[in-house]
């Protein structure tokens, strides 16, 4: 799957979940979408809980 990203004029990327601006080297990818560390951790926590059910 191709990574998609929303870049601003300074070439920073916006988190797909919260909209926070983050640098390219601090982005985490999940199913082709970029997230900040906090949102990525939340997604991982949610996904791990779904697998246990």
N, C-alpha and C. Protein backbone atom coordinates (compact mmCIF):
# COMPACT_ATOMS: atom_id res chain seq x y z
N UNK A 1 0.85 -1.18 0.00
CA UNK A 1 0.00 0.00 0.00
C UNK A 1 0.89 1.24 0.00
N UNK A 2 0.52 2.21 -0.79
CA UNK A 2 1.29 3.45 -0.88
C UNK A 2 1.04 4.33 0.34
N UNK A 3 2.13 4.90 0.87
CA UNK A 3 2.00 5.84 1.98
C UNK A 3 1.47 7.16 1.45
N UNK A 4 0.44 7.69 2.08
CA UNK A 4 -0.09 8.99 1.70
C UNK A 4 0.18 9.96 2.84
N UNK A 5 0.44 11.18 2.50
CA UNK A 5 0.79 12.14 3.53
C UNK A 5 0.35 13.54 3.13
N UNK A 6 0.01 14.34 4.12
CA UNK A 6 -0.35 15.73 3.94
C UNK A 6 0.82 16.57 4.42
N UNK A 7 1.52 17.21 3.48
CA UNK A 7 2.69 18.01 3.85
C UNK A 7 2.34 19.50 3.80
N UNK A 8 2.94 20.26 4.74
CA UNK A 8 2.75 21.70 4.74
C UNK A 8 3.88 22.37 3.94
N UNK A 9 3.91 23.69 3.94
CA UNK A 9 4.89 24.42 3.14
C UNK A 9 6.33 24.17 3.61
N UNK A 10 6.53 23.74 4.86
CA UNK A 10 7.85 23.43 5.38
C UNK A 10 8.20 21.95 5.24
N UNK A 11 7.38 21.23 4.50
CA UNK A 11 7.57 19.80 4.23
C UNK A 11 7.37 18.92 5.47
N UNK A 12 6.64 19.43 6.45
CA UNK A 12 6.25 18.63 7.61
C UNK A 12 4.96 17.89 7.28
N UNK A 13 4.72 16.80 7.99
CA UNK A 13 3.56 15.96 7.72
C UNK A 13 2.55 16.10 8.85
N UNK A 14 1.27 16.04 8.52
CA UNK A 14 0.22 16.11 9.52
C UNK A 14 -0.25 14.71 9.87
N UNK A 15 -0.45 14.50 11.18
CA UNK A 15 -0.99 13.24 11.67
C UNK A 15 -2.40 13.07 11.11
N UNK A 16 -2.70 11.89 10.62
CA UNK A 16 -4.02 11.61 10.04
C UNK A 16 -5.12 11.61 11.09
N UNK A 17 -4.78 11.43 12.35
CA UNK A 17 -5.78 11.34 13.40
C UNK A 17 -6.02 12.69 14.08
N UNK A 18 -4.96 13.27 14.65
CA UNK A 18 -5.14 14.50 15.43
C UNK A 18 -4.78 15.77 14.68
N UNK A 19 -4.09 15.64 13.54
CA UNK A 19 -3.72 16.80 12.75
C UNK A 19 -2.44 17.50 13.21
N UNK A 20 -1.78 16.94 14.20
CA UNK A 20 -0.54 17.53 14.70
C UNK A 20 0.52 17.50 13.60
N UNK A 21 1.30 18.58 13.50
CA UNK A 21 2.37 18.64 12.52
C UNK A 21 3.61 17.95 13.10
N UNK A 22 4.16 17.01 12.31
CA UNK A 22 5.33 16.26 12.75
C UNK A 22 6.35 16.19 11.61
N UNK A 23 7.60 15.99 11.97
CA UNK A 23 8.64 15.87 10.95
C UNK A 23 8.61 14.48 10.34
N UNK A 24 9.18 14.39 9.16
CA UNK A 24 9.17 13.14 8.40
C UNK A 24 9.84 12.00 9.16
N UNK A 25 10.86 12.29 9.95
CA UNK A 25 11.57 11.22 10.65
C UNK A 25 10.87 10.78 11.94
N UNK A 26 9.76 11.42 12.31
CA UNK A 26 9.03 11.03 13.52
C UNK A 26 7.64 10.50 13.22
N UNK A 27 7.38 10.17 11.97
CA UNK A 27 6.06 9.69 11.59
C UNK A 27 6.02 8.16 11.67
N UNK A 28 4.89 7.64 12.06
CA UNK A 28 4.67 6.19 12.15
C UNK A 28 3.58 5.83 11.14
N UNK A 29 3.79 4.76 10.39
CA UNK A 29 2.86 4.37 9.32
C UNK A 29 2.01 3.19 9.74
N UNK A 30 0.73 3.28 9.42
CA UNK A 30 -0.23 2.19 9.66
C UNK A 30 -1.18 2.16 8.48
N UNK A 31 -1.14 1.10 7.71
CA UNK A 31 -2.00 0.93 6.53
C UNK A 31 -1.90 2.12 5.57
N UNK A 32 -0.69 2.62 5.37
CA UNK A 32 -0.46 3.68 4.40
C UNK A 32 -0.77 5.09 4.90
N UNK A 33 -1.16 5.23 6.15
CA UNK A 33 -1.46 6.54 6.72
C UNK A 33 -0.45 6.88 7.80
N UNK A 34 -0.07 8.16 7.88
CA UNK A 34 0.94 8.60 8.83
C UNK A 34 0.34 9.13 10.12
N UNK A 35 0.94 8.76 11.25
CA UNK A 35 0.44 9.18 12.57
C UNK A 35 1.59 9.65 13.45
N UNK A 36 1.27 10.53 14.41
CA UNK A 36 2.24 10.91 15.43
C UNK A 36 2.38 9.73 16.39
N UNK A 37 3.38 9.78 17.26
CA UNK A 37 3.67 8.68 18.18
C UNK A 37 2.47 8.36 19.08
N UNK A 38 1.82 9.38 19.63
CA UNK A 38 0.70 9.17 20.54
C UNK A 38 -0.46 8.47 19.83
N UNK A 39 -0.83 8.97 18.67
CA UNK A 39 -1.95 8.36 17.94
C UNK A 39 -1.60 6.95 17.47
N UNK A 40 -0.37 6.76 17.04
CA UNK A 40 0.07 5.43 16.62
C UNK A 40 -0.01 4.44 17.78
N UNK A 41 0.45 4.87 18.95
CA UNK A 41 0.37 4.00 20.14
C UNK A 41 -1.08 3.67 20.48
N UNK A 42 -1.98 4.65 20.36
CA UNK A 42 -3.40 4.42 20.62
C UNK A 42 -3.98 3.40 19.64
N UNK A 43 -3.59 3.50 18.38
CA UNK A 43 -4.07 2.56 17.35
C UNK A 43 -3.57 1.16 17.66
N UNK A 44 -2.29 1.05 18.01
CA UNK A 44 -1.71 -0.26 18.34
C UNK A 44 -2.41 -0.87 19.55
N UNK A 45 -2.67 -0.06 20.56
CA UNK A 45 -3.36 -0.53 21.77
C UNK A 45 -4.77 -1.01 21.42
N UNK A 46 -5.49 -0.24 20.61
CA UNK A 46 -6.84 -0.61 20.19
C UNK A 46 -6.81 -1.91 19.39
N UNK A 47 -5.89 -2.01 18.44
CA UNK A 47 -5.80 -3.21 17.59
C UNK A 47 -5.44 -4.45 18.39
N UNK A 48 -4.55 -4.31 19.36
CA UNK A 48 -4.18 -5.48 20.16
C UNK A 48 -5.36 -5.94 21.04
N UNK A 49 -6.19 -5.03 21.48
CA UNK A 49 -7.37 -5.37 22.25
C UNK A 49 -8.42 -6.08 21.41
N UNK A 50 -8.54 -5.68 20.15
CA UNK A 50 -9.49 -6.32 19.24
C UNK A 50 -9.11 -7.77 18.97
N UNK A 51 -7.82 -8.06 18.90
CA UNK A 51 -7.38 -9.42 18.59
C UNK A 51 -7.63 -10.38 19.75
N UNK A 52 -7.67 -9.86 20.97
CA UNK A 52 -7.86 -10.72 22.14
C UNK A 52 -9.32 -11.15 22.30
N UNK A 53 -10.23 -10.38 21.72
CA UNK A 53 -11.66 -10.68 21.89
C UNK A 53 -12.09 -11.88 21.08
